[in-house]
N, C-alpha and C. Protein backbone atom coordinates (compact mmCIF):
# COMPACT_ATOMS: atom_id res chain seq x y z
N UNK A 1 -80.23 -20.40 120.18
CA UNK A 1 -78.96 -21.69 121.33
C UNK A 1 -80.94 -23.01 121.96
N UNK A 2 -79.95 -23.75 121.93
CA UNK A 2 -80.78 -25.07 121.26
C UNK A 2 -81.35 -25.75 123.17
N UNK A 3 -82.17 -26.54 123.51
CA UNK A 3 -82.25 -26.89 124.62
C UNK A 3 -81.39 -27.33 125.21
N UNK A 4 -80.48 -28.33 125.25
CA UNK A 4 -79.03 -29.24 124.97
C UNK A 4 -78.22 -28.05 125.76
N UNK A 5 -77.80 -26.49 124.74
CA UNK A 5 -77.18 -25.88 124.97
C UNK A 5 -77.81 -25.16 126.11
N UNK A 6 -78.35 -25.29 126.44
CA UNK A 6 -79.78 -24.42 127.64
C UNK A 6 -79.06 -24.70 129.07
N UNK A 7 -79.36 -26.22 129.32
CA UNK A 7 -79.68 -26.89 129.63
C UNK A 7 -77.69 -27.29 130.19
N UNK A 8 -76.86 -26.72 129.91
CA UNK A 8 -75.73 -26.69 130.24
C UNK A 8 -75.33 -25.44 130.50
N UNK A 9 -75.98 -24.03 129.78
CA UNK A 9 -75.82 -23.50 130.77
C UNK A 9 -76.30 -23.03 132.01
N UNK A 10 -77.25 -23.31 131.95
CA UNK A 10 -77.93 -23.42 133.43
C UNK A 10 -77.41 -24.17 134.11
N UNK A 11 -76.80 -25.49 134.40
CA UNK A 11 -76.00 -26.38 135.01
C UNK A 11 -74.32 -25.77 135.74
N UNK A 12 -73.77 -24.93 134.17
CA UNK A 12 -72.75 -23.84 134.91
C UNK A 12 -73.21 -22.91 135.59
N UNK A 13 -74.09 -21.76 135.73
CA UNK A 13 -73.99 -20.89 136.12
C UNK A 13 -74.07 -21.26 137.33
N UNK A 14 -75.22 -22.55 137.43
CA UNK A 14 -75.69 -22.73 139.30
C UNK A 14 -74.25 -23.20 139.79
N UNK A 15 -73.22 -23.71 139.43
CA UNK A 15 -71.99 -24.19 139.79
C UNK A 15 -71.45 -23.35 139.88
N UNK A 16 -71.16 -22.44 139.37
CA UNK A 16 -70.32 -21.52 139.44
C UNK A 16 -71.06 -20.20 139.62
N UNK A 17 -72.09 -20.35 140.54
CA UNK A 17 -72.44 -19.49 141.45
C UNK A 17 -72.55 -19.71 143.47
N UNK A 18 -72.26 -20.92 143.35
CA UNK A 18 -71.51 -22.20 144.46
C UNK A 18 -70.51 -21.98 144.72
N UNK A 19 -69.58 -21.56 143.82
CA UNK A 19 -67.78 -21.43 143.88
C UNK A 19 -67.42 -20.07 144.94
N UNK A 20 -67.12 -20.30 146.22
CA UNK A 20 -66.21 -18.95 146.26
C UNK A 20 -65.37 -17.75 144.88
N UNK A 21 -65.46 -16.77 145.74
CA UNK A 21 -64.60 -15.27 144.69
C UNK A 21 -63.79 -15.87 144.41
N UNK A 22 -62.36 -16.26 144.81
CA UNK A 22 -61.46 -17.48 144.74
C UNK A 22 -61.70 -17.96 143.45
N UNK A 23 -62.41 -19.12 143.45
CA UNK A 23 -62.30 -19.77 142.39
C UNK A 23 -63.34 -19.29 141.05
N UNK A 24 -63.86 -18.87 141.58
CA UNK A 24 -64.59 -17.97 140.32
C UNK A 24 -63.41 -17.36 139.50
N UNK A 25 -62.66 -16.24 140.40
CA UNK A 25 -61.77 -15.97 139.97
C UNK A 25 -60.66 -16.35 137.77
N UNK A 26 -60.66 -17.81 139.03
CA UNK A 26 -59.10 -18.51 138.54
C UNK A 26 -59.77 -19.33 137.02
N UNK A 27 -61.82 -19.77 137.33
CA UNK A 27 -62.05 -20.20 137.01
C UNK A 27 -62.05 -19.06 135.22
N UNK A 28 -62.47 -17.45 135.71
CA UNK A 28 -62.73 -16.55 134.13
C UNK A 28 -61.40 -16.52 133.75
N UNK A 29 -60.59 -17.30 134.24
CA UNK A 29 -59.50 -17.08 133.81
C UNK A 29 -58.94 -17.98 132.97
N UNK A 30 -59.10 -18.98 133.29
CA UNK A 30 -59.13 -20.19 132.58
C UNK A 30 -59.64 -20.01 131.29
N UNK A 31 -61.29 -20.24 131.90
CA UNK A 31 -61.81 -19.67 129.78
C UNK A 31 -61.57 -18.43 128.72
N UNK A 32 -60.48 -17.44 130.14
CA UNK A 32 -60.48 -16.93 128.67
C UNK A 32 -59.19 -17.51 127.86
N UNK A 33 -58.38 -17.95 128.65
CA UNK A 33 -57.28 -18.68 127.87
C UNK A 33 -57.75 -19.57 126.95
N UNK A 34 -59.16 -20.22 126.84
CA UNK A 34 -59.32 -20.86 126.57
C UNK A 34 -59.86 -20.66 125.07
N UNK A 35 -60.35 -19.25 124.93
CA UNK A 35 -61.48 -18.84 123.98
C UNK A 35 -60.45 -18.35 122.82
N UNK A 36 -61.11 -19.54 121.86
CA UNK A 36 -60.52 -19.72 120.54
C UNK A 36 -59.76 -18.17 119.89
N UNK A 37 -60.73 -16.99 120.13
CA UNK A 37 -60.34 -15.86 118.94
C UNK A 37 -58.68 -15.56 120.28
N UNK A 38 -58.44 -16.02 121.02
CA UNK A 38 -57.19 -15.88 122.08
C UNK A 38 -55.83 -16.68 121.63
N UNK A 39 -56.39 -18.34 121.25
CA UNK A 39 -55.25 -19.15 121.04
C UNK A 39 -54.26 -18.60 119.35
N UNK A 40 -53.49 -19.24 119.77
CA UNK A 40 -52.42 -19.52 118.54
C UNK A 40 -51.49 -18.03 118.74
N UNK A 41 -52.20 -17.24 119.24
CA UNK A 41 -51.16 -15.61 118.82
C UNK A 41 -50.32 -15.67 119.90
N UNK A 42 -49.36 -14.58 119.59
CA UNK A 42 -48.02 -14.72 120.50
C UNK A 42 -48.08 -13.46 119.54
N UNK A 43 -47.31 -12.77 121.15
CA UNK A 43 -46.48 -11.70 120.45
C UNK A 43 -44.95 -11.89 119.66
N UNK A 44 -45.23 -10.75 118.56
CA UNK A 44 -44.07 -11.34 117.40
C UNK A 44 -43.04 -10.42 118.47
N UNK A 45 -42.21 -11.08 117.62
CA UNK A 45 -40.52 -11.14 118.50
C UNK A 45 -39.66 -10.19 117.74
N UNK A 46 -38.72 -9.24 118.04
CA UNK A 46 -38.04 -8.19 117.57
C UNK A 46 -36.71 -9.45 116.83
N UNK A 47 -35.80 -8.62 116.29
CA UNK A 47 -34.39 -9.69 116.00
C UNK A 47 -33.39 -9.13 116.23
N UNK A 48 -32.78 -10.22 116.53
CA UNK A 48 -31.83 -10.18 118.05
C UNK A 48 -31.15 -8.97 117.66
N UNK A 49 -30.23 -8.90 118.22
CA UNK A 49 -28.96 -8.00 118.74
C UNK A 49 -27.85 -8.66 118.85
N UNK A 50 -26.96 -9.20 117.84
CA UNK A 50 -25.68 -9.53 118.56
C UNK A 50 -24.53 -8.27 119.38
N UNK A 51 -24.36 -9.42 120.05
CA UNK A 51 -23.74 -8.45 121.53
C UNK A 51 -24.10 -7.65 122.22
N UNK A 52 -25.51 -7.21 121.99
CA UNK A 52 -26.35 -6.86 123.16
C UNK A 52 -26.02 -6.68 124.99
N UNK A 53 -24.99 -8.23 124.54
CA UNK A 53 -24.96 -8.04 126.98
C UNK A 53 -23.47 -8.45 126.75
N UNK A 54 -22.59 -8.11 125.87
CA UNK A 54 -21.92 -8.98 125.50
C UNK A 54 -20.81 -7.82 127.69
N UNK A 55 -19.87 -8.61 127.68
CA UNK A 55 -18.92 -8.72 128.20
C UNK A 55 -20.18 -8.64 130.04
N UNK A 56 -21.23 -9.15 129.83
CA UNK A 56 -22.07 -8.57 131.02
C UNK A 56 -21.91 -10.43 131.31
N UNK A 57 -21.28 -11.19 131.77
CA UNK A 57 -21.46 -13.10 131.60
C UNK A 57 -20.75 -13.11 131.74
N UNK A 58 -19.69 -14.28 133.07
CA UNK A 58 -18.47 -14.54 132.78
C UNK A 58 -18.43 -16.20 132.77
N UNK A 59 -17.30 -16.93 132.81
CA UNK A 59 -17.01 -18.04 133.21
C UNK A 59 -15.87 -17.76 134.40
N UNK A 60 -16.21 -19.07 135.66
CA UNK A 60 -15.24 -19.48 136.33
C UNK A 60 -13.64 -19.85 135.75
N UNK A 61 -12.19 -19.36 135.80
CA UNK A 61 -11.29 -20.37 135.85
C UNK A 61 -11.68 -21.95 135.72
N UNK A 62 -11.67 -22.46 136.66
CA UNK A 62 -12.11 -23.92 136.51
C UNK A 62 -13.13 -24.99 136.19
N UNK A 63 -13.49 -23.99 135.42
CA UNK A 63 -15.10 -24.41 134.55
C UNK A 63 -14.89 -25.80 134.01
N UNK A 64 -13.18 -26.62 133.61
CA UNK A 64 -13.57 -27.37 132.88
C UNK A 64 -12.81 -28.47 133.97
N UNK A 65 -12.47 -28.02 134.76
CA UNK A 65 -11.67 -28.92 135.88
C UNK A 65 -12.33 -29.97 136.23
N UNK A 66 -11.82 -30.70 137.07
CA UNK A 66 -12.79 -32.72 137.08
C UNK A 66 -13.73 -32.58 138.57
N UNK A 67 -14.42 -32.24 139.12
CA UNK A 67 -15.38 -32.31 140.25
C UNK A 67 -15.24 -33.06 141.79
N UNK A 68 -15.35 -33.15 142.31
CA UNK A 68 -14.80 -33.50 143.49
C UNK A 68 -15.67 -35.08 143.56
N UNK A 69 -15.07 -36.08 144.05
CA UNK A 69 -15.95 -36.91 144.48
C UNK A 69 -16.65 -37.20 145.77
N UNK A 70 -17.70 -37.59 145.61
CA UNK A 70 -18.46 -37.23 146.88
C UNK A 70 -18.83 -38.58 147.49
N UNK A 71 -18.88 -38.74 148.31
CA UNK A 71 -18.94 -40.21 148.95
C UNK A 71 -20.09 -40.24 149.85
N UNK A 72 -21.21 -41.18 149.19
CA UNK A 72 -22.61 -41.08 150.00
C UNK A 72 -22.78 -42.30 150.79
N UNK A 73 -23.44 -41.43 151.98
CA UNK A 73 -23.25 -42.96 153.30
C UNK A 73 -24.26 -43.98 152.95
């Protein structure tokens, strides 16, 4: 580790130790998100199944009717 990096690590360690536990947890979670080995990895999506939820949705009979005008004072 070069001296500039050691200085940065030392400064970050000092700042981190001064934080409240909740803030430290947030920082750790953010650092995990930013790790290069974890970036651009998404779960592979399964194939879609046509008709899987058929009959589970509905549209009102008056869906296409005009909406009432509302007066704004």
